[in-house]
N, C-alpha and C. Protein backbone atom coordinates (compact mmCIF):
# COMPACT_ATOMS: atom_id res chain seq x y z
N SER A 1 27.85 9.32 9.04
CA SER A 1 26.46 9.03 8.72
C SER A 1 26.49 9.68 6.84
N VAL A 2 26.90 10.73 6.43
CA VAL A 2 27.10 11.36 5.41
C VAL A 2 27.94 10.12 4.42
N GLY A 3 29.09 9.70 5.05
CA GLY A 3 29.66 8.68 4.21
C GLY A 3 29.10 7.43 4.18
N PHE A 4 28.17 6.88 4.99
CA PHE A 4 27.51 5.55 4.50
C PHE A 4 26.42 6.04 4.04
N LYS A 5 25.88 7.48 3.79
CA LYS A 5 25.08 7.44 2.53
C LYS A 5 25.69 7.34 1.24
N LEU A 6 26.82 7.80 1.18
CA LEU A 6 27.28 7.91 -0.38
C LEU A 6 27.79 6.35 -0.41
N ILE A 7 28.36 5.83 0.24
CA ILE A 7 28.58 4.36 0.16
C ILE A 7 27.38 3.66 -0.66
N LEU A 8 26.41 3.68 -0.15
CA LEU A 8 25.10 3.26 -0.21
C LEU A 8 24.69 3.94 -1.72
N LEU A 9 24.79 4.77 -2.00
CA LEU A 9 24.59 5.21 -3.23
C LEU A 9 25.42 4.85 -4.38
N SER A 10 26.64 4.63 -4.01
CA SER A 10 27.64 4.17 -4.63
C SER A 10 27.64 3.08 -5.38
N ARG A 11 26.55 2.00 -4.69
CA ARG A 11 26.26 0.93 -4.85
C ARG A 11 24.76 1.10 -5.53
N GLY A 12 24.60 2.11 -6.06
CA GLY A 12 23.36 1.65 -6.96
C GLY A 12 21.99 1.74 -6.24
N GLU A 13 22.20 1.79 -4.81
CA GLU A 13 20.81 1.49 -4.18
C GLU A 13 20.41 3.09 -4.18
N SER A 14 19.12 2.80 -3.86
CA SER A 14 18.24 4.05 -4.14
C SER A 14 17.49 4.51 -2.81
N THR A 15 17.78 5.76 -2.25
CA THR A 15 17.11 6.22 -1.14
C THR A 15 15.74 6.97 -0.95
N ALA A 16 15.08 6.44 -2.41
CA ALA A 16 13.56 7.10 -2.65
C ALA A 16 12.73 6.91 -1.87
N MET A 17 11.69 6.86 -1.56
CA MET A 17 10.73 6.90 -0.33
C MET A 17 9.87 5.94 -1.66
N SER A 18 9.17 4.98 -0.88
CA SER A 18 7.89 4.40 -1.85
C SER A 18 6.64 4.82 -1.57
N THR A 19 5.69 4.28 -2.18
CA THR A 19 4.10 4.72 -2.43
C THR A 19 3.72 3.38 -2.03
N ILE A 20 2.35 3.85 -0.98
CA ILE A 20 1.41 2.94 -0.88
C ILE A 20 0.26 3.19 -1.94
N ILE A 21 -0.15 2.14 -2.58
CA ILE A 21 -1.15 1.89 -3.45
C ILE A 21 -2.61 1.30 -2.67
N PHE A 22 -3.54 2.00 -2.46
CA PHE A 22 -4.80 1.54 -1.84
C PHE A 22 -5.85 1.15 -3.18
N LEU A 23 -5.87 -0.06 -3.10
CA LEU A 23 -7.34 -0.60 -4.31
C LEU A 23 -8.11 -0.97 -3.85
N THR A 24 -9.40 -0.19 -4.34
CA THR A 24 -10.33 0.27 -3.27
C THR A 24 -11.58 0.06 -4.74
N SER A 25 -12.96 0.39 -4.58
CA SER A 25 -13.80 0.29 -5.43
C SER A 25 -15.11 1.16 -4.72
N SER A 26 -15.14 2.16 -5.93
CA SER A 26 -15.85 2.77 -5.30
C SER A 26 -17.64 2.17 -5.55
N VAL A 27 -17.65 1.32 -5.89
CA VAL A 27 -19.01 0.45 -6.18
C VAL A 27 -18.81 -0.77 -5.19
N PRO A 28 -18.64 -0.63 -4.00
CA PRO A 28 -18.68 -1.66 -3.19
C PRO A 28 -19.76 -2.75 -3.44
N SER A 29 -19.33 -4.33 -3.21
CA SER A 29 -20.24 -4.99 -3.17
C SER A 29 -21.16 -5.17 -2.35
N SER A 30 -20.42 -5.17 -0.85
CA SER A 30 -21.45 -5.45 0.23
C SER A 30 -20.86 -3.93 0.92
N VAL A 31 -22.12 -3.86 2.47
CA VAL A 31 -21.83 -3.07 3.35
C VAL A 31 -20.45 -3.63 3.96
N LYS A 32 -19.90 -4.25 4.16
CA LYS A 32 -18.91 -5.11 4.68
C LYS A 32 -17.55 -4.55 4.26
N GLN A 33 -17.71 -4.30 2.72
CA GLN A 33 -16.60 -4.28 2.12
C GLN A 33 -16.49 -2.78 2.03
N GLU A 34 -17.11 -2.30 2.00
CA GLU A 34 -17.44 -0.56 2.35
C GLU A 34 -16.75 -0.15 3.33
N LYS A 35 -17.26 -1.07 4.59
CA LYS A 35 -16.64 -0.42 5.89
C LYS A 35 -15.32 -1.18 6.14
N GLU A 36 -14.80 -1.84 5.43
CA GLU A 36 -13.35 -2.17 5.28
C GLU A 36 -12.62 -1.40 4.82
N GLN A 37 -13.08 -0.65 3.56
CA GLN A 37 -12.29 0.09 2.79
C GLN A 37 -12.12 1.36 3.59
N ASP A 38 -13.48 1.90 4.67
CA ASP A 38 -13.13 2.83 5.20
C ASP A 38 -12.18 3.00 6.28
N TRP A 39 -12.04 1.63 6.82
CA TRP A 39 -11.42 1.85 8.05
C TRP A 39 -10.03 1.59 7.52
N VAL A 40 -9.44 0.99 6.15
CA VAL A 40 -7.98 1.06 5.75
C VAL A 40 -7.83 2.46 5.82
N LYS A 41 -8.88 3.27 4.93
CA LYS A 41 -8.65 4.57 4.42
C LYS A 41 -8.42 5.56 6.28
N GLN A 42 -9.16 5.22 6.93
CA GLN A 42 -8.74 5.98 8.01
C GLN A 42 -7.35 6.01 9.06
N VAL A 43 -7.04 4.34 8.76
CA VAL A 43 -6.06 4.14 9.31
C VAL A 43 -4.34 4.91 8.85
N LEU A 44 -4.45 4.69 7.57
CA LEU A 44 -3.57 5.39 6.88
C LEU A 44 -3.47 6.71 6.97
N GLY A 45 -4.84 7.53 6.94
CA GLY A 45 -5.00 8.54 7.64
C GLY A 45 -4.38 8.99 9.07
N VAL A 46 -4.78 8.12 9.83
CA VAL A 46 -4.16 8.41 11.06
C VAL A 46 -2.80 8.13 11.35
N LYS A 47 -2.25 7.50 10.52
CA LYS A 47 -0.73 7.19 10.46
C LYS A 47 0.06 7.79 9.43
N LYS A 48 -0.52 9.04 8.86
CA LYS A 48 -0.06 10.05 7.98
C LYS A 48 0.53 9.45 7.08
N TYR A 49 0.08 8.47 6.30
CA TYR A 49 0.81 7.66 5.28
C TYR A 49 0.17 8.60 4.05
N VAL A 50 1.13 8.90 3.16
CA VAL A 50 0.65 8.99 1.64
C VAL A 50 0.31 8.02 0.90
N PHE A 51 -0.58 7.74 0.12
CA PHE A 51 -1.03 7.01 -0.67
C PHE A 51 -1.51 7.05 -1.72
N GLU A 52 -1.50 6.31 -2.75
CA GLU A 52 -2.49 6.18 -3.85
C GLU A 52 -3.95 5.70 -3.96
N GLU A 53 -4.97 6.34 -3.99
CA GLU A 53 -6.06 5.39 -4.15
C GLU A 53 -6.14 5.12 -5.41
N VAL A 54 -6.45 3.65 -6.01
CA VAL A 54 -7.02 3.29 -7.28
C VAL A 54 -8.65 2.73 -7.13
N ASP A 55 -8.95 3.17 -8.36
CA ASP A 55 -10.58 2.70 -8.00
C ASP A 55 -10.82 1.76 -9.07
N GLY A 56 -10.88 0.35 -8.36
CA GLY A 56 -10.60 -0.75 -9.33
C GLY A 56 -12.51 -0.60 -10.46
N ALA A 57 -13.43 -0.07 -9.95
CA ALA A 57 -14.37 -0.12 -10.47
C ALA A 57 -14.09 0.80 -11.88
N GLN A 58 -13.02 1.73 -11.60
CA GLN A 58 -13.04 2.34 -12.86
C GLN A 58 -12.04 2.56 -13.78
N ASP A 59 -11.11 1.83 -13.08
CA ASP A 59 -10.05 1.11 -13.97
C ASP A 59 -9.28 -0.55 -13.80
N ALA A 60 -9.89 -0.96 -14.86
CA ALA A 60 -10.03 -2.11 -14.92
C ALA A 60 -8.46 -2.52 -15.29
N ASP A 61 -8.01 -2.25 -15.71
CA ASP A 61 -6.66 -2.78 -16.26
C ASP A 61 -5.57 -2.45 -15.30
N ARG A 62 -5.65 -1.62 -14.37
CA ARG A 62 -4.96 -1.29 -13.40
C ARG A 62 -5.28 -2.42 -12.26
N ARG A 63 -6.72 -2.77 -12.27
CA ARG A 63 -7.09 -3.66 -10.36
C ARG A 63 -6.59 -4.93 -11.45
N LYS A 64 -6.79 -5.36 -12.66
CA LYS A 64 -6.55 -6.60 -12.93
C LYS A 64 -4.49 -6.81 -12.50
N GLU A 65 -3.95 -5.69 -13.35
CA GLU A 65 -2.45 -5.76 -12.91
C GLU A 65 -2.10 -6.13 -11.56
N LEU A 66 -2.83 -5.18 -10.67
CA LEU A 66 -2.60 -5.32 -8.88
C LEU A 66 -2.99 -6.82 -8.94
N TRP A 67 -4.16 -7.48 -9.04
CA TRP A 67 -4.50 -8.39 -8.38
C TRP A 67 -3.59 -9.83 -9.04
N ALA A 68 -3.22 -9.30 -10.33
CA ALA A 68 -2.07 -10.59 -10.82
C ALA A 68 -0.82 -10.31 -9.46
N ILE A 69 -0.49 -9.00 -9.33
CA ILE A 69 0.66 -9.12 -8.12
C ILE A 69 0.18 -9.92 -6.79
N ALA A 70 -0.77 -9.26 -6.45
CA ALA A 70 -1.21 -9.90 -5.41
C ALA A 70 -1.63 -11.17 -4.94
N GLY A 71 -1.94 -12.03 -6.22
CA GLY A 71 -2.31 -13.32 -6.71
C GLY A 71 -3.80 -13.27 -5.93
N LYS A 72 -4.63 -12.47 -6.05
CA LYS A 72 -6.05 -12.67 -5.27
C LYS A 72 -6.54 -11.68 -5.95
N THR A 73 -7.84 -11.97 -5.60
CA THR A 73 -9.03 -10.72 -6.02
C THR A 73 -9.61 -9.95 -5.21
N GLY A 74 -10.06 -9.07 -4.83
CA GLY A 74 -10.92 -8.82 -4.12
C GLY A 74 -10.49 -7.21 -3.40
N TYR A 75 -11.27 -6.73 -2.44
CA TYR A 75 -11.16 -5.14 -2.12
C TYR A 75 -11.16 -5.38 -0.55
N PRO A 76 -10.36 -4.09 0.12
CA PRO A 76 -9.42 -3.37 -0.35
C PRO A 76 -8.18 -4.36 -0.17
N GLN A 77 -7.14 -3.84 -1.21
CA GLN A 77 -5.75 -4.21 -0.89
C GLN A 77 -4.89 -2.87 -1.12
N LEU A 78 -3.78 -3.29 -0.27
CA LEU A 78 -2.55 -2.44 -0.48
C LEU A 78 -1.34 -3.21 -1.31
N PHE A 79 -0.56 -2.30 -1.44
CA PHE A 79 0.52 -2.36 -2.31
C PHE A 79 1.55 -1.19 -1.69
N VAL A 80 2.91 -2.09 -2.43
CA VAL A 80 4.11 -0.84 -1.86
C VAL A 80 4.68 -0.67 -3.48
N LYS A 81 4.87 0.92 -3.74
CA LYS A 81 5.61 0.92 -5.07
C LYS A 81 6.97 1.73 -4.56
N THR A 82 8.34 1.15 -5.29
CA THR A 82 9.28 1.78 -5.20
C THR A 82 9.72 1.62 -6.40
N GLY A 83 10.08 2.80 -6.98
CA GLY A 83 10.33 3.33 -8.23
C GLY A 83 9.49 2.80 -9.15
N GLU A 84 9.79 1.83 -10.13
CA GLU A 84 8.78 0.95 -11.00
C GLU A 84 8.18 -0.26 -10.42
N THR A 85 8.93 -0.83 -9.43
CA THR A 85 8.58 -1.80 -8.85
C THR A 85 7.49 -1.91 -7.61
N VAL A 86 6.23 -2.74 -7.91
CA VAL A 86 5.05 -3.13 -7.02
C VAL A 86 4.87 -4.11 -6.47
N THR A 87 4.63 -4.25 -5.15
CA THR A 87 4.66 -5.58 -4.58
C THR A 87 3.47 -5.14 -3.43
N PHE A 88 2.97 -6.68 -3.43
CA PHE A 88 1.72 -6.79 -2.45
C PHE A 88 1.70 -6.52 -1.04
N ALA A 89 1.29 -5.71 -0.03
CA ALA A 89 1.39 -5.58 0.99
C ALA A 89 0.44 -6.52 2.07
N TYR A 90 -0.92 -5.70 2.05
CA TYR A 90 -1.82 -6.39 2.70
C TYR A 90 -3.17 -6.45 1.90
N ASP A 91 -3.81 -7.28 2.49
CA ASP A 91 -5.44 -7.62 2.11
C ASP A 91 -5.80 -7.02 3.68
N TYR A 92 -7.74 -6.92 3.92
CA TYR A 92 -7.84 -6.35 4.95
C TYR A 92 -7.33 -7.14 6.08
N GLU A 93 -7.72 -8.40 6.45
CA GLU A 93 -7.69 -8.93 7.53
C GLU A 93 -6.11 -8.88 7.83
N ALA A 94 -5.09 -8.90 6.92
CA ALA A 94 -3.65 -8.81 7.12
C ALA A 94 -3.33 -7.49 7.62
N MET A 95 -3.96 -6.24 7.00
CA MET A 95 -3.72 -5.01 7.62
C MET A 95 -4.20 -4.73 8.82
N GLN A 96 -5.21 -5.44 8.95
CA GLN A 96 -5.92 -5.42 10.55
C GLN A 96 -5.05 -6.02 11.51
N ASP A 97 -4.32 -7.60 11.16
CA ASP A 97 -3.48 -7.76 12.50
C ASP A 97 -2.07 -6.78 12.51
N ALA A 98 -1.76 -6.53 11.42
CA ALA A 98 -0.24 -5.73 11.31
C ALA A 98 -0.55 -4.61 12.20
N ASN A 99 -1.73 -3.70 12.02
CA ASN A 99 -2.26 -2.57 12.56
C ASN A 99 -2.32 -2.87 14.14
N GLU A 100 -3.06 -4.06 14.40
CA GLU A 100 -3.34 -4.33 16.08
C GLU A 100 -2.00 -4.40 16.87
N PHE A 101 -0.81 -5.27 16.26
CA PHE A 101 0.07 -5.34 16.80
C PHE A 101 1.83 -4.45 16.34
N ASN A 102 0.81 -3.49 15.97
CA ASN A 102 2.13 -2.03 15.35
C ASN A 102 2.86 -2.55 14.54
N GLU A 103 2.65 -3.30 13.65
CA GLU A 103 3.49 -3.93 12.82
C GLU A 103 3.49 -3.23 11.43
N LEU A 104 2.47 -2.14 10.83
CA LEU A 104 2.57 -1.59 9.59
C LEU A 104 3.81 -1.14 8.95
N GLY A 105 4.75 -0.78 9.99
CA GLY A 105 6.22 0.04 9.57
C GLY A 105 6.66 -1.40 8.50
N GLU A 106 6.63 -2.93 8.93
CA GLU A 106 7.57 -3.71 8.42
C GLU A 106 7.28 -3.70 6.90
N GLN A 107 5.96 -3.32 6.41
CA GLN A 107 5.51 -3.16 4.88
C GLN A 107 5.48 -1.63 4.42
N PHE A 108 5.49 -0.82 5.24
CA PHE A 108 5.25 0.73 5.00
C PHE A 108 5.94 1.37 5.74
N GLY A 109 7.24 1.25 6.24
CA GLY A 109 8.31 1.44 7.13
C GLY A 109 9.03 2.44 6.13
N ASN A 110 9.35 2.45 4.36
CA ASN A 110 10.05 3.44 3.68
C ASN A 110 8.86 4.20 2.96
N CYS A 111 7.92 4.19 3.26
CA CYS A 111 6.88 5.18 2.79
C CYS A 111 6.32 6.51 3.19
N GLN A 112 6.36 7.43 2.44
CA GLN A 112 6.03 8.97 2.58
C GLN A 112 5.19 8.57 3.64
N THR A 113 5.01 10.13 4.12
CA THR A 113 3.88 10.13 5.21
C THR A 113 3.85 11.61 5.02
N ASN A 114 3.07 12.43 5.60
CA ASN A 114 2.57 13.89 5.75
C ASN A 114 2.39 14.08 7.11
């Protein structure tokens, strides 16, 4: 096992954990959006994922950056940050499906938990 890790590291691969970015809004446009954001936060908490919450209503530059990565607008959205690379993971509907089928690990498998 130690030898395998050394081989991976010698190829420049990182063993760093990834972080979940949760794009939300402190000023939801509807009760539906508020409930969706609450559900996402609850699921992340139950699964013990560590996440960075980004309030798109307060940080327009970061919101625009994340929406550009996702290729769509809206709340809530989830991203995975590994090193300096951020990738889109889920919107609400996709996260619901992944959670229902116990597939959150496909996107969040290398993410920090507490």
